[in-house]
């Protein structure tokens, strides 16, 4: 069993915690459990990637995409959608934070087996509820849909599927296969998926920092493997068989969640959402 979870999963949890500590109220997204789950070293705030100023755009991106997905899940649950699938769940805490929604939704988390082993142990130690864990290695060609059904997923009923911070680590072949799997879900299922834009499409003022992050990811052994223009991602979704596909830009998230903030917090422009329905 691995002694630590994936570093990118920990970073996401810590950025959520940093948002509550460093940014002006009201918070865009509130997650007080992720920090407990990650259980970092006492000096975690001194990490270079936790600097409240230089990493504010990435931190804002983390909380805005989490808020966008959670708003979508809430909306779909109110419409009677009974299942929520989180691809590459990492240290996601929806199943622990939202008992109001888990009373109506069955939550399935899909991730690498090692990360899930670690997370299961931590949740047990903290006395927190578990989702349905579905261990899958995406790049090994394993069918996560088959494993999902084995875990109790009802393939005849619609679901919400979220994949945030996942596809940039996958090859295009793996992304296409994943989209095809999701497009086969029951009619009325909804996918919210984030993807990275080519660096040249980001705001000029952000490109140097984004390029630095790309280099850092490569050095750390978790390189970004895919970048897509919105038109390219929409084409992949349509080719996979989705009935509808839309692009949601960082500018739209900024308008929705960051308007009139006193601290000027804004997400970087290098990431976008694909919102698609079967």
C-alpha atoms as a PDB file:
ATOM      1  CA  UNK A   1       0.000   0.000   0.000  1.00  0.00           C
ATOM      2  CA  UNK A   2       1.325   3.431  -0.893  1.00  0.00           C
ATOM      3  CA  UNK A   3       2.219   5.669   2.047  1.00  0.00           C
ATOM      4  CA  UNK A   4       1.151   8.893   0.335  1.00  0.00           C
ATOM      5  CA  UNK A   5      -1.497   9.780  -2.244  1.00  0.00           C
ATOM      6  CA  UNK A   6      -0.728  11.240  -5.647  1.00  0.00           C
ATOM      7  CA  UNK A   7       1.017  14.617  -5.311  1.00  0.00           C
ATOM      8  CA  UNK A   8      -1.433  16.353  -7.645  1.00  0.00           C
ATOM      9  CA  UNK A   9      -4.359  15.124  -5.537  1.00  0.00           C
ATOM     10  CA  UNK A  10      -2.731  16.520  -2.404  1.00  0.00           C
ATOM     11  CA  UNK A  11      -2.004  19.853  -4.088  1.00  0.00           C
ATOM     12  CA  UNK A  12      -5.664  20.230  -5.052  1.00  0.00           C
ATOM     13  CA  UNK A  13      -6.794  19.537  -1.485  1.00  0.00           C
ATOM     14  CA  UNK A  14      -4.274  22.029  -0.085  1.00  0.00           C
ATOM     15  CA  UNK A  15      -5.252  24.748  -2.572  1.00  0.00           C
ATOM     16  CA  UNK A  16      -8.863  24.356  -1.467  1.00  0.00           C
ATOM     17  CA  UNK A  17      -7.754  24.799   2.138  1.00  0.00           C
ATOM     18  CA  UNK A  18      -5.534  27.770   1.220  1.00  0.00           C
ATOM     19  CA  UNK A  19      -8.516  29.442  -0.435  1.00  0.00           C
ATOM     20  CA  UNK A  20     -10.379  29.497   2.877  1.00  0.00           C
ATOM     21  CA  UNK A  21      -7.350  30.891   4.703  1.00  0.00           C
ATOM     22  CA  UNK A  22      -5.871  33.380   2.231  1.00  0.00           C
ATOM     23  CA  UNK A  23      -8.669  34.743   0.057  1.00  0.00           C
ATOM     24  CA  UNK A  24     -11.304  37.274   1.022  1.00  0.00           C
ATOM     25  CA  UNK A  25     -14.814  36.101   1.866  1.00  0.00           C
ATOM     26  CA  UNK A  26     -17.142  34.879   0.641  1.00  0.00           C
ATOM     27  CA  UNK A  27     -15.409  31.667  -0.424  1.00  0.00           C
ATOM     28  CA  UNK A  28     -16.116  30.371  -3.899  1.00  0.00           C
ATOM     29  CA  UNK A  29     -15.969  26.827  -2.568  1.00  0.00           C
ATOM     30  CA  UNK A  30     -15.785  25.486   0.976  1.00  0.00           C
ATOM     31  CA  UNK A  31     -13.905  22.278   1.720  1.00  0.00           C
ATOM     32  CA  UNK A  32     -12.699  21.887   5.298  1.00  0.00           C
ATOM     33  CA  UNK A  33     -12.301  18.110   5.089  1.00  0.00           C
ATOM     34  CA  UNK A  34      -9.680  17.850   2.345  1.00  0.00           C
ATOM     35  CA  UNK A  35      -6.942  19.271   4.574  1.00  0.00           C
ATOM     36  CA  UNK A  36      -7.737  16.732   7.297  1.00  0.00           C
ATOM     37  CA  UNK A  37      -7.707  13.962   4.743  1.00  0.00           C
ATOM     38  CA  UNK A  38      -4.374  15.018   3.215  1.00  0.00           C
ATOM     39  CA  UNK A  39      -2.765  15.391   6.654  1.00  0.00           C
ATOM     40  CA  UNK A  40       0.225  17.376   5.330  1.00  0.00           C
ATOM     41  CA  UNK A  41       3.367  18.358   7.185  1.00  0.00           C
ATOM     42  CA  UNK A  42       2.895  21.338   9.561  1.00  0.00           C
ATOM     43  CA  UNK A  43       4.893  23.620   7.240  1.00  0.00           C
ATOM     44  CA  UNK A  44       2.733  22.894   4.158  1.00  0.00           C
ATOM     45  CA  UNK A  45       1.856  26.589   3.818  1.00  0.00           C
ATOM     46  CA  UNK A  46       5.538  27.325   3.141  1.00  0.00           C
ATOM     47  CA  UNK A  47       5.598  25.195   0.005  1.00  0.00           C
ATOM     48  CA  UNK A  48       6.371  27.165  -3.157  1.00  0.00           C
ATOM     49  CA  UNK A  49       3.156  25.946  -4.790  1.00  0.00           C
ATOM     50  CA  UNK A  50       1.133  27.273  -1.848  1.00  0.00           C
ATOM     51  CA  UNK A  51       2.324  30.870  -2.148  1.00  0.00           C
ATOM     52  CA  UNK A  52      -0.884  32.913  -1.737  1.00  0.00           C
ATOM     53  CA  UNK A  53       0.114  35.475  -4.368  1.00  0.00           C
ATOM     54  CA  UNK A  54       1.997  33.708  -7.165  1.00  0.00           C
ATOM     55  CA  UNK A  55      -0.336  30.707  -7.298  1.00  0.00           C
ATOM     56  CA  UNK A  56      -3.618  32.567  -6.792  1.00  0.00           C
ATOM     57  CA  UNK A  57      -4.811  31.993 -10.366  1.00  0.00           C
ATOM     58  CA  UNK A  58      -4.317  28.235 -10.123  1.00  0.00           C
ATOM     59  CA  UNK A  59      -5.946  28.156  -6.688  1.00  0.00           C
ATOM     60  CA  UNK A  60      -8.908  30.081  -8.077  1.00  0.00           C
ATOM     61  CA  UNK A  61      -9.094  27.598 -10.932  1.00  0.00           C
ATOM     62  CA  UNK A  62      -9.264  24.680  -8.513  1.00  0.00           C
ATOM     63  CA  UNK A  63     -12.103  26.126  -6.457  1.00  0.00           C
ATOM     64  CA  UNK A  64     -14.092  27.429  -9.420  1.00  0.00           C
ATOM     65  CA  UNK A  65     -14.067  24.098 -11.222  1.00  0.00           C
ATOM     66  CA  UNK A  66     -15.086  22.341  -8.000  1.00  0.00           C
ATOM     67  CA  UNK A  67     -17.928  24.820  -7.521  1.00  0.00           C
ATOM     68  CA  UNK A  68     -19.060  24.455 -11.141  1.00  0.00           C
ATOM     69  CA  UNK A  69     -19.248  20.675 -10.855  1.00  0.00           C
ATOM     70  CA  UNK A  70     -20.994  20.758  -7.502  1.00  0.00           C
ATOM     71  CA  UNK A  71     -23.584  23.229  -8.809  1.00  0.00           C
ATOM     72  CA  UNK A  72     -24.157  20.878 -11.756  1.00  0.00           C
ATOM     73  CA  UNK A  73     -24.514  17.824  -9.503  1.00  0.00           C
ATOM     74  CA  UNK A  74     -26.977  19.693  -7.281  1.00  0.00           C
ATOM     75  CA  UNK A  75     -29.039  20.751 -10.285  1.00  0.00           C
ATOM     76  CA  UNK A  76     -29.105  17.232 -11.734  1.00  0.00           C
ATOM     77  CA  UNK A  77     -29.947  15.627  -8.379  1.00  0.00           C
ATOM     78  CA  UNK A  78     -32.942  17.948  -8.085  1.00  0.00           C
ATOM     79  CA  UNK A  79     -34.046  16.640 -11.478  1.00  0.00           C
ATOM     80  CA  UNK A  80     -33.893  13.080 -10.171  1.00  0.00           C
ATOM     81  CA  UNK A  81     -30.534  11.902 -11.519  1.00  0.00           C
ATOM     82  CA  UNK A  82     -29.537   9.200  -9.013  1.00  0.00           C
ATOM     83  CA  UNK A  83     -25.814   8.610  -9.641  1.00  0.00           C
ATOM     84  CA  UNK A  84     -22.609  10.634  -9.539  1.00  0.00           C
ATOM     85  CA  UNK A  85     -19.350   9.265 -10.962  1.00  0.00           C
ATOM     86  CA  UNK A  86     -16.032  11.007 -10.256  1.00  0.00           C
ATOM     87  CA  UNK A  87     -13.209  10.028 -12.613  1.00  0.00           C
ATOM     88  CA  UNK A  88      -9.751  10.565 -11.165  1.00  0.00           C
ATOM     89  CA  UNK A  89     -11.329  11.462  -7.838  1.00  0.00           C
ATOM     90  CA  UNK A  90      -8.115  11.950  -5.894  1.00  0.00           C
ATOM     91  CA  UNK A  91      -8.922  13.477  -2.514  1.00  0.00           C
ATOM     92  CA  UNK A  92     -12.384  14.689  -3.539  1.00  0.00           C
ATOM     93  CA  UNK A  93     -14.597  15.097  -0.464  1.00  0.00           C
ATOM     94  CA  UNK A  94     -18.091  15.382  -1.940  1.00  0.00           C
ATOM     95  CA  UNK A  95     -19.207  12.121  -0.313  1.00  0.00           C
ATOM     96  CA  UNK A  96     -18.097  13.420   3.093  1.00  0.00           C
ATOM     97  CA  UNK A  97     -19.278  17.045   2.800  1.00  0.00           C
ATOM     98  CA  UNK A  98     -22.698  16.719   1.184  1.00  0.00           C
ATOM     99  CA  UNK A  99     -24.918  14.295   3.113  1.00  0.00           C
ATOM    100  CA  UNK A 100     -27.899  16.313   1.846  1.00  0.00           C
ATOM    101  CA  UNK A 101     -27.101  15.114  -1.681  1.00  0.00           C
ATOM    102  CA  UNK A 102     -25.655  11.672  -0.928  1.00  0.00           C
ATOM    103  CA  UNK A 103     -29.029  10.831   0.595  1.00  0.00           C
ATOM    104  CA  UNK A 104     -30.339  11.013  -2.988  1.00  0.00           C
ATOM    105  CA  UNK A 105     -27.212  10.161  -4.980  1.00  0.00           C
ATOM    106  CA  UNK A 106     -25.023   7.102  -5.083  1.00  0.00           C
ATOM    107  CA  UNK A 107     -21.427   8.289  -5.418  1.00  0.00           C
ATOM    108  CA  UNK A 108     -18.794   6.271  -7.293  1.00  0.00           C
ATOM    109  CA  UNK A 109     -15.120   7.284  -7.273  1.00  0.00           C
ATOM    110  CA  UNK A 110     -12.822   5.958 -10.006  1.00  0.00           C
ATOM    111  CA  UNK A 111      -9.065   6.283  -9.547  1.00  0.00           C
ATOM    112  CA  UNK A 112      -5.762   4.453  -9.409  1.00  0.00           C
ATOM    113  CA  UNK A 113      -5.850   1.530  -6.940  1.00  0.00           C
ATOM    114  CA  UNK A 114      -2.964   2.886  -4.830  1.00  0.00           C
ATOM    115  CA  UNK A 115      -4.610   6.259  -4.301  1.00  0.00           C
ATOM    116  CA  UNK A 116      -7.875   4.617  -3.334  1.00  0.00           C
ATOM    117  CA  UNK A 117      -6.168   2.270  -0.865  1.00  0.00           C
ATOM    118  CA  UNK A 118      -4.613   5.270   0.868  1.00  0.00           C
ATOM    119  CA  UNK A 119      -7.854   7.252   0.836  1.00  0.00           C
ATOM    120  CA  UNK A 120      -9.907   4.362   2.197  1.00  0.00           C
ATOM    121  CA  UNK A 121      -7.505   4.031   5.108  1.00  0.00           C
ATOM    122  CA  UNK A 122      -7.583   7.765   5.875  1.00  0.00           C
ATOM    123  CA  UNK A 123     -11.378   7.935   5.764  1.00  0.00           C
ATOM    124  CA  UNK A 124     -11.577   5.018   8.165  1.00  0.00           C
ATOM    125  CA  UNK A 125      -9.097   6.678  10.519  1.00  0.00           C
ATOM    126  CA  UNK A 126     -11.145   9.887  10.485  1.00  0.00           C
ATOM    127  CA  UNK A 127     -14.466   8.091  10.855  1.00  0.00           C
ATOM    128  CA  UNK A 128     -15.808   9.586   7.631  1.00  0.00           C
ATOM    129  CA  UNK A 129     -18.208   7.946   5.152  1.00  0.00           C
ATOM    130  CA  UNK A 130     -16.859   6.083   2.136  1.00  0.00           C
ATOM    131  CA  UNK A 131     -18.090   6.389  -1.452  1.00  0.00           C
ATOM    132  CA  UNK A 132     -18.168   3.368  -3.747  1.00  0.00           C
ATOM    133  CA  UNK A 133     -14.503   2.910  -4.727  1.00  0.00           C
ATOM    134  CA  UNK A 134     -13.845   1.644  -8.263  1.00  0.00           C
ATOM    135  CA  UNK A 135     -10.087   1.079  -8.869  1.00  0.00           C
ATOM    136  CA  UNK A 136      -9.045   1.482 -12.533  1.00  0.00           C
ATOM    137  CA  UNK A 137      -5.789   2.083 -14.420  1.00  0.00           C
ATOM    138  CA  UNK A 138      -6.899   4.237 -17.386  1.00  0.00           C
ATOM    139  CA  UNK A 139      -3.697   3.849 -19.394  1.00  0.00           C
ATOM    140  CA  UNK A 140      -3.696   0.050 -19.007  1.00  0.00           C
ATOM    141  CA  UNK A 141      -6.839  -0.131 -21.093  1.00  0.00           C
ATOM    142  CA  UNK A 142      -9.055  -1.373 -18.286  1.00  0.00           C
ATOM    143  CA  UNK A 143     -12.796  -0.895 -18.833  1.00  0.00           C
ATOM    144  CA  UNK A 144     -13.862   1.363 -16.015  1.00  0.00           C
ATOM    145  CA  UNK A 145     -17.485   1.075 -17.172  1.00  0.00           C
ATOM    146  CA  UNK A 146     -17.514  -2.680 -16.558  1.00  0.00           C
ATOM    147  CA  UNK A 147     -15.945  -2.219 -13.146  1.00  0.00           C
ATOM    148  CA  UNK A 148     -18.466   0.510 -12.377  1.00  0.00           C
ATOM    149  CA  UNK A 149     -21.384  -1.813 -13.089  1.00  0.00           C
ATOM    150  CA  UNK A 150     -19.781  -4.524 -10.965  1.00  0.00           C
ATOM    151  CA  UNK A 151     -19.636  -2.006  -8.099  1.00  0.00           C
ATOM    152  CA  UNK A 152     -23.401  -1.470  -8.316  1.00  0.00           C
ATOM    153  CA  UNK A 153     -23.780   1.282 -10.902  1.00  0.00           C
ATOM    154  CA  UNK A 154     -27.117   1.094 -12.743  1.00  0.00           C
ATOM    155  CA  UNK A 155     -26.320   1.395 -16.447  1.00  0.00           C
ATOM    156  CA  UNK A 156     -30.006   1.929 -17.259  1.00  0.00           C
ATOM    157  CA  UNK A 157     -30.291   5.149 -15.254  1.00  0.00           C
ATOM    158  CA  UNK A 158     -28.658   8.548 -15.972  1.00  0.00           C
ATOM    159  CA  UNK A 159     -25.735   9.943 -14.050  1.00  0.00           C
ATOM    160  CA  UNK A 160     -23.476  12.934 -13.686  1.00  0.00           C
ATOM    161  CA  UNK A 161     -19.845  12.233 -14.559  1.00  0.00           C
ATOM    162  CA  UNK A 162     -17.064  14.612 -13.522  1.00  0.00           C
ATOM    163  CA  UNK A 163     -13.453  14.478 -14.705  1.00  0.00           C
ATOM    164  CA  UNK A 164     -11.539  17.526 -13.479  1.00  0.00           C
ATOM    165  CA  UNK A 165      -7.765  17.700 -13.711  1.00  0.00           C
ATOM    166  CA  UNK A 166      -7.637  14.281 -15.372  1.00  0.00           C
ATOM    167  CA  UNK A 167      -7.355  14.352 -19.159  1.00  0.00           C
ATOM    168  CA  UNK A 168      -4.175  16.441 -19.281  1.00  0.00           C
ATOM    169  CA  UNK A 169      -2.346  13.392 -17.887  1.00  0.00           C
ATOM    170  CA  UNK A 170      -3.813  10.985 -20.474  1.00  0.00           C
ATOM    171  CA  UNK A 171      -2.867  10.240 -24.048  1.00  0.00           C
ATOM    172  CA  UNK A 172      -5.329  11.217 -26.760  1.00  0.00           C
ATOM    173  CA  UNK A 173      -6.146   7.544 -27.348  1.00  0.00           C
ATOM    174  CA  UNK A 174      -7.060   7.113 -23.677  1.00  0.00           C
ATOM    175  CA  UNK A 175      -9.138  10.301 -23.758  1.00  0.00           C
ATOM    176  CA  UNK A 176     -11.050   9.162 -26.835  1.00  0.00           C
ATOM    177  CA  UNK A 177     -11.725   5.765 -25.242  1.00  0.00           C
ATOM    178  CA  UNK A 178     -12.936   7.434 -22.037  1.00  0.00           C
ATOM    179  CA  UNK A 179     -15.281   9.744 -23.946  1.00  0.00           C
ATOM    180  CA  UNK A 180     -16.733   6.798 -25.865  1.00  0.00           C
ATOM    181  CA  UNK A 181     -17.385   4.949 -22.606  1.00  0.00           C
ATOM    182  CA  UNK A 182     -19.188   7.936 -21.104  1.00  0.00           C
ATOM    183  CA  UNK A 183     -21.205   8.585 -24.268  1.00  0.00           C
ATOM    184  CA  UNK A 184     -22.620   5.051 -23.926  1.00  0.00           C
ATOM    185  CA  UNK A 185     -24.186   5.845 -20.550  1.00  0.00           C
ATOM    186  CA  UNK A 186     -27.955   6.145 -20.226  1.00  0.00           C
ATOM    187  CA  UNK A 187     -29.671   8.959 -22.080  1.00  0.00           C
ATOM    188  CA  UNK A 188     -29.709  12.159 -20.055  1.00  0.00           C
ATOM    189  CA  UNK A 189     -26.315  11.568 -18.452  1.00  0.00           C
ATOM    190  CA  UNK A 190     -24.123  14.667 -18.193  1.00  0.00           C
ATOM    191  CA  UNK A 191     -20.336  14.989 -18.359  1.00  0.00           C
ATOM    192  CA  UNK A 192     -18.288  17.886 -16.962  1.00  0.00           C
ATOM    193  CA  UNK A 193     -14.647  17.540 -18.022  1.00  0.00           C
ATOM    194  CA  UNK A 194     -11.772  20.005 -17.753  1.00  0.00           C
ATOM    195  CA  UNK A 195      -9.002  20.247 -20.339  1.00  0.00           C
ATOM    196  CA  UNK A 196      -5.925  22.392 -20.821  1.00  0.00           C
ATOM    197  CA  UNK A 197      -5.680  24.861 -23.674  1.00  0.00           C
ATOM    198  CA  UNK A 198      -2.466  25.193 -25.690  1.00  0.00           C
ATOM    199  CA  UNK A 199      -0.255  27.686 -23.860  1.00  0.00           C
ATOM    200  CA  UNK A 200      -0.502  30.213 -26.702  1.00  0.00           C
ATOM    201  CA  UNK A 201      -4.264  30.522 -26.081  1.00  0.00           C
ATOM    202  CA  UNK A 202      -3.778  31.604 -22.476  1.00  0.00           C
ATOM    203  CA  UNK A 203      -3.601  35.270 -21.561  1.00  0.00           C
ATOM    204  CA  UNK A 204      -0.182  36.702 -22.477  1.00  0.00           C
ATOM    205  CA  UNK A 205       0.433  37.734 -18.870  1.00  0.00           C
ATOM    206  CA  UNK A 206      -0.007  34.128 -17.690  1.00  0.00           C
ATOM    207  CA  UNK A 207       1.988  32.198 -20.267  1.00  0.00           C
ATOM    208  CA  UNK A 208       5.351  32.260 -18.504  1.00  0.00           C
ATOM    209  CA  UNK A 209       3.823  30.935 -15.269  1.00  0.00           C
ATOM    210  CA  UNK A 210       1.854  28.254 -17.125  1.00  0.00           C
ATOM    211  CA  UNK A 211       4.996  27.158 -18.982  1.00  0.00           C
ATOM    212  CA  UNK A 212       6.760  26.925 -15.630  1.00  0.00           C
ATOM    213  CA  UNK A 213       3.968  24.664 -14.323  1.00  0.00           C
ATOM    214  CA  UNK A 214       4.237  22.485 -17.436  1.00  0.00           C
ATOM    215  CA  UNK A 215       7.990  22.092 -16.866  1.00  0.00           C
ATOM    216  CA  UNK A 216       7.447  21.346 -13.184  1.00  0.00           C
ATOM    217  CA  UNK A 217       4.878  18.648 -13.995  1.00  0.00           C
ATOM    218  CA  UNK A 218       7.331  17.022 -16.405  1.00  0.00           C
ATOM    219  CA  UNK A 219      10.152  17.130 -13.853  1.00  0.00           C
ATOM    220  CA  UNK A 220       7.982  15.650 -11.121  1.00  0.00           C
ATOM    221  CA  UNK A 221       7.132  12.629 -13.279  1.00  0.00           C
ATOM    222  CA  UNK A 222       3.510  13.581 -13.994  1.00  0.00           C
ATOM    223  CA  UNK A 223       3.820  15.346 -17.375  1.00  0.00           C
ATOM    224  CA  UNK A 224       0.882  17.008 -19.094  1.00  0.00           C
ATOM    225  CA  UNK A 225       0.267  14.867 -22.161  1.00  0.00           C
ATOM    226  CA  UNK A 226      -2.619  16.640 -23.862  1.00  0.00           C
ATOM    227  CA  UNK A 227      -3.701  20.158 -24.754  1.00  0.00           C
ATOM    228  CA  UNK A 228      -6.795  20.956 -26.827  1.00  0.00           C
ATOM    229  CA  UNK A 229      -8.364  23.927 -28.496  1.00  0.00           C
ATOM    230  CA  UNK A 230     -12.070  24.126 -27.591  1.00  0.00           C
ATOM    231  CA  UNK A 231     -13.054  23.218 -31.153  1.00  0.00           C
ATOM    232  CA  UNK A 232     -10.865  20.109 -30.958  1.00  0.00           C
ATOM    233  CA  UNK A 233     -12.379  18.944 -27.675  1.00  0.00           C
ATOM    234  CA  UNK A 234     -15.901  19.545 -28.962  1.00  0.00           C
ATOM    235  CA  UNK A 235     -15.077  17.505 -32.066  1.00  0.00           C
ATOM    236  CA  UNK A 236     -13.809  14.618 -29.911  1.00  0.00           C
ATOM    237  CA  UNK A 237     -17.003  14.671 -27.853  1.00  0.00           C
ATOM    238  CA  UNK A 238     -19.244  14.629 -30.915  1.00  0.00           C
ATOM    239  CA  UNK A 239     -17.204  11.865 -32.537  1.00  0.00           C
ATOM    240  CA  UNK A 240     -17.556   9.836 -29.316  1.00  0.00           C
ATOM    241  CA  UNK A 241     -21.333   9.990 -29.671  1.00  0.00           C
ATOM    242  CA  UNK A 242     -22.554  12.703 -27.294  1.00  0.00           C
ATOM    243  CA  UNK A 243     -25.898  14.259 -28.249  1.00  0.00           C
ATOM    244  CA  UNK A 244     -24.759  17.755 -27.245  1.00  0.00           C
ATOM    245  CA  UNK A 245     -21.403  19.315 -26.378  1.00  0.00           C
ATOM    246  CA  UNK A 246     -20.561  22.811 -25.141  1.00  0.00           C
ATOM    247  CA  UNK A 247     -17.420  24.706 -24.183  1.00  0.00           C
ATOM    248  CA  UNK A 248     -17.397  26.609 -20.870  1.00  0.00           C
ATOM    249  CA  UNK A 249     -14.467  29.040 -20.699  1.00  0.00           C
ATOM    250  CA  UNK A 250     -12.566  30.369 -17.711  1.00  0.00           C
ATOM    251  CA  UNK A 251     -14.044  33.776 -18.560  1.00  0.00           C
ATOM    252  CA  UNK A 252     -17.534  32.349 -17.985  1.00  0.00           C
ATOM    253  CA  UNK A 253     -16.464  30.879 -14.645  1.00  0.00           C
ATOM    254  CA  UNK A 254     -14.922  34.215 -13.700  1.00  0.00           C
ATOM    255  CA  UNK A 255     -18.156  36.035 -14.469  1.00  0.00           C
ATOM    256  CA  UNK A 256     -20.193  33.478 -12.567  1.00  0.00           C
ATOM    257  CA  UNK A 257     -18.097  33.087  -9.416  1.00  0.00           C
ATOM    258  CA  UNK A 258     -15.621  35.960  -9.103  1.00  0.00           C
ATOM    259  CA  UNK A 259     -17.530  39.113 -10.049  1.00  0.00           C
ATOM    260  CA  UNK A 260     -17.095  42.036  -7.642  1.00  0.00           C
ATOM    261  CA  UNK A 261     -14.642  40.244  -5.370  1.00  0.00           C
ATOM    262  CA  UNK A 262     -12.707  42.613  -3.120  1.00  0.00           C
ATOM    263  CA  UNK A 263      -9.450  40.660  -3.499  1.00  0.00           C
ATOM    264  CA  UNK A 264      -9.470  40.487  -7.289  1.00  0.00           C
ATOM    265  CA  UNK A 265      -9.142  36.685  -7.220  1.00  0.00           C
ATOM    266  CA  UNK A 266      -9.459  35.218 -10.733  1.00  0.00           C
ATOM    267  CA  UNK A 267      -8.721  31.806 -12.284  1.00  0.00           C
ATOM    268  CA  UNK A 268      -6.039  31.495 -14.934  1.00  0.00           C
ATOM    269  CA  UNK A 269      -7.264  31.334 -18.519  1.00  0.00           C
ATOM    270  CA  UNK A 270      -5.479  28.098 -19.462  1.00  0.00           C
ATOM    271  CA  UNK A 271      -8.195  25.603 -18.523  1.00  0.00           C
ATOM    272  CA  UNK A 272     -11.738  25.116 -19.803  1.00  0.00           C
ATOM    273  CA  UNK A 273     -14.715  22.788 -19.404  1.00  0.00           C
ATOM    274  CA  UNK A 274     -16.393  20.430 -21.798  1.00  0.00           C
ATOM    275  CA  UNK A 275     -20.052  20.054 -20.835  1.00  0.00           C
ATOM    276  CA  UNK A 276     -21.699  17.230 -22.770  1.00  0.00           C
ATOM    277  CA  UNK A 277     -24.894  15.184 -22.565  1.00  0.00           C
ATOM    278  CA  UNK A 278     -25.774  11.754 -23.863  1.00  0.00           C
END
